[in-house]
Amino acid sequence: MTLKQSYSTAWKSPSNIALVKYWGKFGRQYPSNPSISFTLSEAYSNLVMKVNPADRLSCRLEFHGQRETAFEERILRFLESIQDDYPWLEHASIDMSSTNSFPHSAGIASSASAMSALALCLVDIDQQIQHQTWEDSDDFRQRSSEVARLASGSAARSVYPFLARWGVSTISNKGSNNHADYVGNNIDPVFSDYKNSILILSSATKSVSSSAGHRLMAGNRFASERFKQANENLEQLLLAMRQGDMPSFIRIVEEEALTLHALMMTSSPSYILMEPQTIDAVRAIRSFREENDIPVCFTLDAGPNIHMLYPASCAGQVEPWRDTVLRPLCEGGRIIEDQVGQGPQRISF
């Protein structure tokens, strides 16, 4: 298929924070266990994409105004892998300009926001080529989620607002490995405006990438038990969120965070992504919760930085304490103020 003209679009897409973690994969980016995540609001990627006719597929990427040739190679391989579904790519020159609102490769799922933005742009361009009218439809989000999954597994969840699930549950037989889906219906209102203080304890690039960590799960002796745990936790977490059961929500979310890092420490070779200040923050959050009976909890992605979760109704008590006790632990005192969000947005450029 030969392009007849040029096309362009731009999308803002958020990161997400997994409450039940996806860790381990098989086949063509399929998850070894189901996961569920809050969609964020202020941790996001913006991507402008321009597609021009060309003799062959090529891509160019600028990240915060600087050429990113290494990332270009990754994106080019990805684009080549989906040419059967999007044949116009064979004769496309793709120029991209991207920015992040948060540190790259520091454990805040930058690939989720970046690759979901890429997927949304590609599906949007495809609709333009097919002379389809873009609309915020379930079909558009599902297609975007499928493309995002192929680029980065966790990105599949970022195309949905509020609360998204990805992967088939062995308990309820719900969900899909091909794409994420929205599971925010019938959730207790206390979770609808949940706050997320992202404590930037280190902005250094991770010593081991998430992709490498997923591969190491294939040889982890605890893998099968972990996959069973994740399925059970997902079902229990959804039930807790529907019932407004805060103690169960906190228990599962923190168990999932610590299990994720335990799996890293028991892989072969093993590795540690938490920093000393990560442990200090975990202890401080737990002590504050127990001493004040305030439902604040923590989770982590594959990195040292902590996502501190709490209802918006508790912000007046949590945030002054956070600024006094936790901000000094953060690199340069940096905290990203975030909350659950409404998903991606098409933006002007």
Protein backbone atom coordinates (compact mmCIF):
# COMPACT_ATOMS: atom_id res chain seq x y z
CA MET A 1 0.00 0.00 0.00
CA THR A 2 1.50 3.33 -1.09
CA LEU A 3 0.74 6.55 0.76
CA LYS A 4 -0.77 9.27 -1.43
CA GLN A 5 -0.33 12.20 0.95
CA SER A 6 1.03 13.32 4.31
CA TYR A 7 -0.73 12.86 7.64
CA SER A 8 -0.18 14.13 11.17
CA THR A 9 -1.55 13.86 14.69
CA ALA A 10 -0.54 14.36 18.32
CA TRP A 11 -1.50 12.60 21.54
CA LYS A 12 -0.92 13.05 25.23
CA SER A 13 -0.93 9.70 27.00
CA PRO A 14 -0.42 8.99 30.70
CA SER A 15 1.63 6.48 32.55
CA ASN A 16 -0.14 4.09 34.87
CA ILE A 17 0.69 2.54 38.20
CA ALA A 18 -0.01 -1.16 38.50
CA LEU A 19 -1.78 -2.23 41.67
CA VAL A 20 -1.47 -5.91 40.75
CA LYS A 21 1.80 -6.26 38.86
CA TYR A 22 2.46 -7.82 35.47
CA TRP A 23 5.83 -9.57 35.66
CA GLY A 24 6.77 -12.23 33.14
CA LYS A 25 5.57 -12.71 29.57
CA PHE A 26 5.40 -15.23 26.76
CA GLY A 27 4.85 -15.33 23.02
CA ARG A 28 4.27 -12.00 21.33
CA GLN A 29 4.04 -9.78 24.38
CA TYR A 30 1.43 -11.79 26.24
CA PRO A 31 1.32 -11.48 30.05
CA SER A 32 2.06 -14.48 32.27
CA ASN A 33 -0.46 -13.10 34.77
CA PRO A 34 -3.25 -10.52 34.74
CA SER A 35 -2.67 -7.03 36.10
CA ILE A 36 -4.70 -3.99 37.06
CA SER A 37 -3.65 -0.35 37.26
CA PHE A 38 -4.66 3.19 38.09
CA THR A 39 -4.33 5.48 35.08
CA LEU A 40 -2.38 8.58 36.11
CA SER A 41 -2.87 12.21 35.17
CA GLU A 42 0.32 14.27 35.55
CA ALA A 43 2.93 11.64 34.58
CA TYR A 44 2.52 11.59 30.82
CA SER A 45 4.16 11.67 27.40
CA ASN A 46 3.30 14.01 24.54
CA LEU A 47 3.97 12.73 21.03
CA VAL A 48 3.64 14.58 17.74
CA MET A 49 3.73 12.31 14.68
CA LYS A 50 4.04 13.32 11.03
CA VAL A 51 3.87 10.70 8.30
CA ASN A 52 5.09 11.37 4.76
CA PRO A 53 5.20 9.16 1.65
CA ALA A 54 8.59 7.52 1.09
CA ASP A 55 10.27 4.67 -0.79
CA ARG A 56 10.73 2.68 2.40
CA LEU A 57 9.93 2.74 6.09
CA SER A 58 12.04 5.08 8.21
CA CYS A 59 11.59 6.98 11.45
CA ARG A 60 13.17 9.90 13.22
CA LEU A 61 12.64 10.78 16.88
CA GLU A 62 13.44 13.82 18.96
CA PHE A 63 13.04 13.57 22.73
CA HIS A 64 12.94 16.97 24.45
CA GLY A 65 14.49 18.42 21.28
CA GLN A 66 17.39 15.98 21.14
CA ARG A 67 17.78 13.26 18.51
CA GLU A 68 17.36 9.76 20.02
CA THR A 69 18.97 7.37 17.54
CA ALA A 70 19.03 4.38 19.91
CA PHE A 71 15.31 4.66 20.60
CA GLU A 72 14.70 5.18 16.88
CA GLU A 73 16.09 1.70 16.25
CA ARG A 74 13.70 0.17 18.80
CA ILE A 75 10.72 1.97 17.27
CA LEU A 76 11.77 1.01 13.74
CA ARG A 77 11.91 -2.68 14.70
CA PHE A 78 8.48 -2.35 16.28
CA LEU A 79 7.02 -0.65 13.21
CA GLU A 80 8.45 -3.37 10.98
CA SER A 81 6.80 -5.98 13.21
CA ILE A 82 3.29 -4.56 12.65
CA GLN A 83 3.52 -3.92 8.89
CA ASP A 84 1.21 -6.85 8.13
CA ASP A 85 -1.57 -5.09 10.03
CA TYR A 86 -0.63 -1.59 8.86
CA PRO A 87 0.74 -2.05 5.31
CA TRP A 88 1.03 1.69 4.67
CA LEU A 89 4.06 1.67 6.99
CA GLU A 90 6.12 0.04 4.24
CA HIS A 91 6.27 3.35 2.37
CA ALA A 92 6.22 5.82 5.26
CA SER A 93 8.73 8.28 6.63
CA ILE A 94 7.71 8.97 10.23
CA ASP A 95 8.92 12.03 12.15
CA MET A 96 8.21 12.13 15.87
CA SER A 97 8.77 14.65 18.64
CA SER A 98 8.21 13.55 22.23
CA THR A 99 8.40 14.96 25.73
CA ASN A 100 7.87 13.43 29.18
CA SER A 101 6.63 15.16 32.30
CA PHE A 102 8.75 12.87 34.50
CA PRO A 103 12.21 11.20 34.55
CA HIS A 104 12.80 8.54 31.91
CA SER A 105 13.80 4.96 32.92
CA ALA A 106 13.49 5.60 36.65
CA GLY A 107 10.65 3.19 37.39
CA ILE A 108 7.61 5.33 36.58
CA ALA A 109 6.57 3.28 33.55
CA SER A 110 7.87 5.74 30.97
CA SER A 111 7.46 3.07 28.30
CA ALA A 112 3.75 2.83 29.16
CA SER A 113 3.11 6.50 28.44
CA ALA A 114 5.50 6.73 25.48
CA MET A 115 4.37 3.57 23.73
CA SER A 116 0.67 4.16 24.35
CA ALA A 117 1.11 7.63 22.82
CA LEU A 118 2.86 5.99 19.85
CA ALA A 119 0.04 3.46 19.47
CA LEU A 120 -2.67 6.11 19.65
CA CYS A 121 -0.92 8.16 16.97
CA LEU A 122 -0.52 5.14 14.69
CA VAL A 123 -4.16 4.07 15.00
CA ASP A 124 -5.28 7.67 14.52
CA ILE A 125 -3.17 7.98 11.33
CA ASP A 126 -4.54 4.65 10.13
CA GLN A 127 -8.08 5.91 10.57
CA GLN A 128 -7.21 9.03 8.60
CA ILE A 129 -5.79 6.90 5.78
CA GLN A 130 -8.90 4.72 5.80
CA HIS A 131 -11.09 7.88 5.75
CA GLN A 132 -12.66 6.96 9.05
CA THR A 133 -13.84 9.63 11.46
CA TRP A 134 -11.96 9.50 14.73
CA GLU A 135 -14.10 9.20 17.80
CA ASP A 136 -13.54 8.22 21.40
CA SER A 137 -14.91 4.72 20.91
CA ASP A 138 -14.35 1.34 22.50
CA ASP A 139 -13.06 0.05 19.16
CA PHE A 140 -10.47 2.82 18.88
CA ARG A 141 -9.22 2.23 22.41
CA GLN A 142 -9.11 -1.54 21.95
CA ARG A 143 -7.12 -1.26 18.71
CA SER A 144 -4.78 1.24 20.35
CA SER A 145 -4.37 -1.06 23.36
CA GLU A 146 -3.47 -4.00 21.10
CA VAL A 147 -0.81 -1.96 19.29
CA ALA A 148 0.50 -0.54 22.57
CA ARG A 149 0.80 -4.04 24.03
CA LEU A 150 3.06 -5.10 21.17
CA ALA A 151 5.34 -2.13 21.88
CA SER A 152 5.36 -2.40 25.69
CA GLY A 153 3.07 -4.63 27.71
CA SER A 154 2.09 -2.16 30.42
CA ALA A 155 1.28 0.44 27.74
CA ALA A 156 -1.83 -1.59 26.90
CA ARG A 157 -3.45 -0.29 30.10
CA SER A 158 -2.63 3.40 29.58
CA VAL A 159 -5.18 3.98 26.83
CA TYR A 160 -8.07 3.66 29.31
CA PRO A 161 -9.20 6.08 32.02
CA PHE A 162 -9.14 5.48 35.78
CA LEU A 163 -8.81 1.69 36.17
CA ALA A 164 -7.67 -0.84 33.57
CA ARG A 165 -7.12 -4.59 33.57
CA TRP A 166 -4.91 -6.58 31.20
CA GLY A 167 -4.65 -10.34 30.98
CA VAL A 168 -6.99 -13.30 31.41
CA SER A 169 -7.85 -14.21 34.99
CA THR A 170 -7.59 -17.94 35.64
CA ILE A 171 -10.19 -17.51 38.40
CA SER A 172 -12.96 -15.53 36.69
CA ASN A 173 -11.90 -16.19 33.07
CA LYS A 174 -12.40 -12.48 32.38
CA GLY A 175 -10.03 -10.13 30.59
CA SER A 176 -7.91 -10.55 27.48
CA ASN A 177 -4.23 -11.12 26.80
CA ASN A 178 -4.51 -9.20 23.53
CA HIS A 179 -5.59 -5.87 24.97
CA ALA A 180 -6.56 -4.18 28.21
CA ASP A 181 -10.09 -3.24 29.18
CA TYR A 182 -11.79 -0.72 31.42
CA VAL A 183 -12.89 -2.03 34.83
CA GLY A 184 -13.87 1.21 36.53
CA ASN A 185 -17.59 0.49 36.73
CA ASN A 186 -19.15 -0.23 40.14
CA ILE A 187 -16.02 0.88 42.03
CA ASP A 188 -16.59 2.63 45.37
CA PRO A 189 -16.42 6.43 44.89
CA VAL A 190 -13.59 6.72 47.45
CA PHE A 191 -11.19 5.54 44.73
CA SER A 192 -12.41 7.92 42.02
CA ASP A 193 -10.24 10.85 43.15
CA TYR A 194 -7.32 8.92 44.62
CA LYS A 195 -4.12 10.92 44.96
CA ASN A 196 -0.65 9.67 44.07
CA SER A 197 2.46 11.39 45.37
CA ILE A 198 5.38 10.06 43.31
CA LEU A 199 8.49 10.30 45.45
CA ILE A 200 11.51 10.74 43.19
CA LEU A 201 14.09 9.05 45.38
CA SER A 202 16.45 8.55 42.44
CA SER A 203 16.19 9.72 38.83
CA ALA A 204 19.13 7.56 37.70
CA THR A 205 18.51 5.10 34.87
CA LYS A 206 17.73 1.64 36.23
CA SER A 207 20.58 -0.86 36.32
CA VAL A 208 18.31 -3.55 34.84
CA SER A 209 15.56 -2.77 32.35
CA SER A 210 12.01 -4.02 32.81
CA SER A 211 12.33 -6.03 29.61
CA ALA A 212 15.32 -7.89 31.04
CA GLY A 213 13.45 -8.42 34.31
CA HIS A 214 10.50 -9.98 32.52
CA ARG A 215 12.82 -12.41 30.72
CA LEU A 216 14.38 -13.49 34.01
CA MET A 217 10.99 -14.65 35.27
CA ALA A 218 11.23 -17.62 32.90
CA GLY A 219 13.86 -19.16 35.19
CA ASN A 220 12.59 -17.94 38.54
CA ARG A 221 11.78 -20.87 40.84
CA PHE A 222 8.92 -18.89 42.40
CA ALA A 223 7.25 -18.01 39.09
CA SER A 224 4.33 -20.46 39.17
CA GLU A 225 3.38 -19.51 42.73
CA ARG A 226 3.67 -15.84 41.80
CA PHE A 227 1.29 -16.21 38.85
CA LYS A 228 -1.23 -17.94 41.13
CA GLN A 229 -0.86 -15.13 43.69
CA ALA A 230 -1.43 -12.44 41.05
CA ASN A 231 -4.66 -14.05 39.84
CA GLU A 232 -5.97 -14.30 43.40
CA ASN A 233 -4.91 -10.75 44.24
CA LEU A 234 -6.58 -9.29 41.16
CA GLU A 235 -9.94 -10.83 42.03
CA GLN A 236 -9.63 -9.83 45.69
CA LEU A 237 -8.56 -6.30 44.82
CA LEU A 238 -11.49 -5.71 42.48
CA LEU A 239 -13.85 -6.97 45.19
CA ALA A 240 -12.23 -4.69 47.78
CA MET A 241 -12.52 -1.68 45.46
CA ARG A 242 -16.18 -2.41 44.79
CA GLN A 243 -16.90 -2.71 48.51
CA GLY A 244 -14.73 0.22 49.60
CA ASP A 245 -12.70 -2.21 51.71
CA MET A 246 -9.67 -0.03 52.40
CA PRO A 247 -7.69 -2.46 54.64
CA SER A 248 -7.84 -5.18 51.97
CA PHE A 249 -6.91 -2.68 49.24
CA ILE A 250 -3.86 -1.56 51.22
CA ARG A 251 -2.77 -5.09 52.08
CA ILE A 252 -2.92 -6.30 48.47
CA VAL A 253 -1.30 -3.22 46.92
CA GLU A 254 1.67 -3.28 49.31
CA GLU A 255 2.05 -7.05 49.03
CA GLU A 256 2.18 -6.74 45.25
CA ALA A 257 4.87 -4.04 45.39
CA LEU A 258 7.11 -6.01 47.72
CA THR A 259 6.54 -9.26 45.84
CA LEU A 260 7.67 -7.58 42.61
CA HIS A 261 10.97 -6.57 44.17
CA ALA A 262 11.35 -9.94 45.88
CA LEU A 263 11.12 -11.56 42.45
CA MET A 264 13.95 -9.34 41.24
CA MET A 265 16.07 -10.31 44.22
CA THR A 266 15.41 -14.04 43.66
CA SER A 267 15.98 -14.10 39.91
CA SER A 268 19.20 -15.46 38.45
CA PRO A 269 21.14 -13.25 38.20
CA SER A 270 19.53 -11.33 41.04
CA TYR A 271 19.40 -7.56 41.29
CA ILE A 272 18.14 -4.84 43.62
CA LEU A 273 16.44 -1.68 42.37
CA MET A 274 15.35 -0.24 45.71
CA GLU A 275 17.62 2.34 47.33
CA PRO A 276 18.15 2.85 51.09
CA GLN A 277 15.80 5.84 50.99
CA THR A 278 13.12 3.59 49.45
CA ILE A 279 13.14 1.45 52.60
CA ASP A 280 13.14 4.55 54.80
CA ALA A 281 10.07 5.88 52.99
CA VAL A 282 8.23 2.54 53.22
CA ARG A 283 8.80 2.39 56.96
CA ALA A 284 7.72 6.00 57.42
CA ILE A 285 4.49 5.50 55.45
CA ARG A 286 3.56 2.39 57.41
CA SER A 287 4.27 4.09 60.74
CA PHE A 288 2.23 7.15 59.78
CA ARG A 289 -0.70 4.96 58.76
CA GLU A 290 -0.65 2.91 61.97
CA GLU A 291 -0.19 5.87 64.29
CA ASN A 292 -2.85 8.08 62.69
CA ASP A 293 -5.31 5.52 61.27
CA ILE A 294 -5.14 7.19 57.86
CA PRO A 295 -5.48 4.90 54.77
CA VAL A 296 -2.27 5.84 53.01
CA CYS A 297 -0.23 3.12 51.31
CA PHE A 298 2.66 2.67 48.91
CA THR A 299 3.48 0.83 45.75
CA LEU A 300 6.50 0.67 43.46
CA ASP A 301 7.11 -0.16 39.84
CA ALA A 302 10.39 -1.67 38.66
CA GLY A 303 12.55 1.04 40.19
CA PRO A 304 13.37 2.81 43.46
CA ASN A 305 10.67 5.48 43.40
CA ILE A 306 7.56 5.22 45.55
CA HIS A 307 3.98 5.94 44.57
CA MET A 308 2.18 6.96 47.76
CA LEU A 309 -1.58 6.44 47.35
CA TYR A 310 -4.32 8.01 49.47
CA PRO A 311 -7.91 9.28 49.15
CA ALA A 312 -8.23 12.95 48.26
CA SER A 313 -10.25 13.42 51.44
CA CYS A 314 -7.09 12.67 53.44
CA ALA A 315 -4.82 15.08 51.55
CA GLY A 316 -5.01 17.73 54.27
CA GLN A 317 -3.49 15.32 56.77
CA VAL A 318 -1.14 13.38 54.49
CA GLU A 319 0.54 16.13 52.49
CA PRO A 320 1.91 18.32 55.33
CA TRP A 321 3.40 15.19 56.91
CA ARG A 322 4.76 14.07 53.52
CA ASP A 323 6.49 17.40 52.95
CA THR A 324 8.08 17.29 56.41
CA VAL A 325 9.13 13.63 56.55
CA LEU A 326 9.34 12.28 52.99
CA ARG A 327 10.40 15.24 50.86
CA PRO A 328 13.89 15.35 52.48
CA LEU A 329 14.40 11.75 51.28
CA CYS A 330 13.68 12.72 47.67
CA GLU A 331 16.30 13.69 45.14
CA GLY A 332 16.33 17.48 45.20
CA GLY A 333 13.14 17.31 47.25
CA ARG A 334 11.24 16.32 44.11
CA ILE A 335 7.72 14.93 44.36
CA ILE A 336 5.37 14.63 41.38
CA GLU A 337 1.83 15.48 42.48
CA ASP A 338 -0.48 13.12 40.66
CA GLN A 339 -3.90 11.50 40.85
CA VAL A 340 -6.04 9.04 38.97
CA GLY A 341 -6.73 10.37 35.50
CA GLN A 342 -9.13 10.28 32.60
CA GLY A 343 -6.82 8.69 30.07
CA PRO A 344 -5.22 9.95 26.84
CA GLN A 345 -6.17 13.09 24.97
CA ARG A 346 -5.71 14.09 21.37
CA ILE A 347 -3.85 17.41 21.45
CA SER A 348 -3.20 20.28 19.06
CA PHE A 349 0.31 21.03 17.79
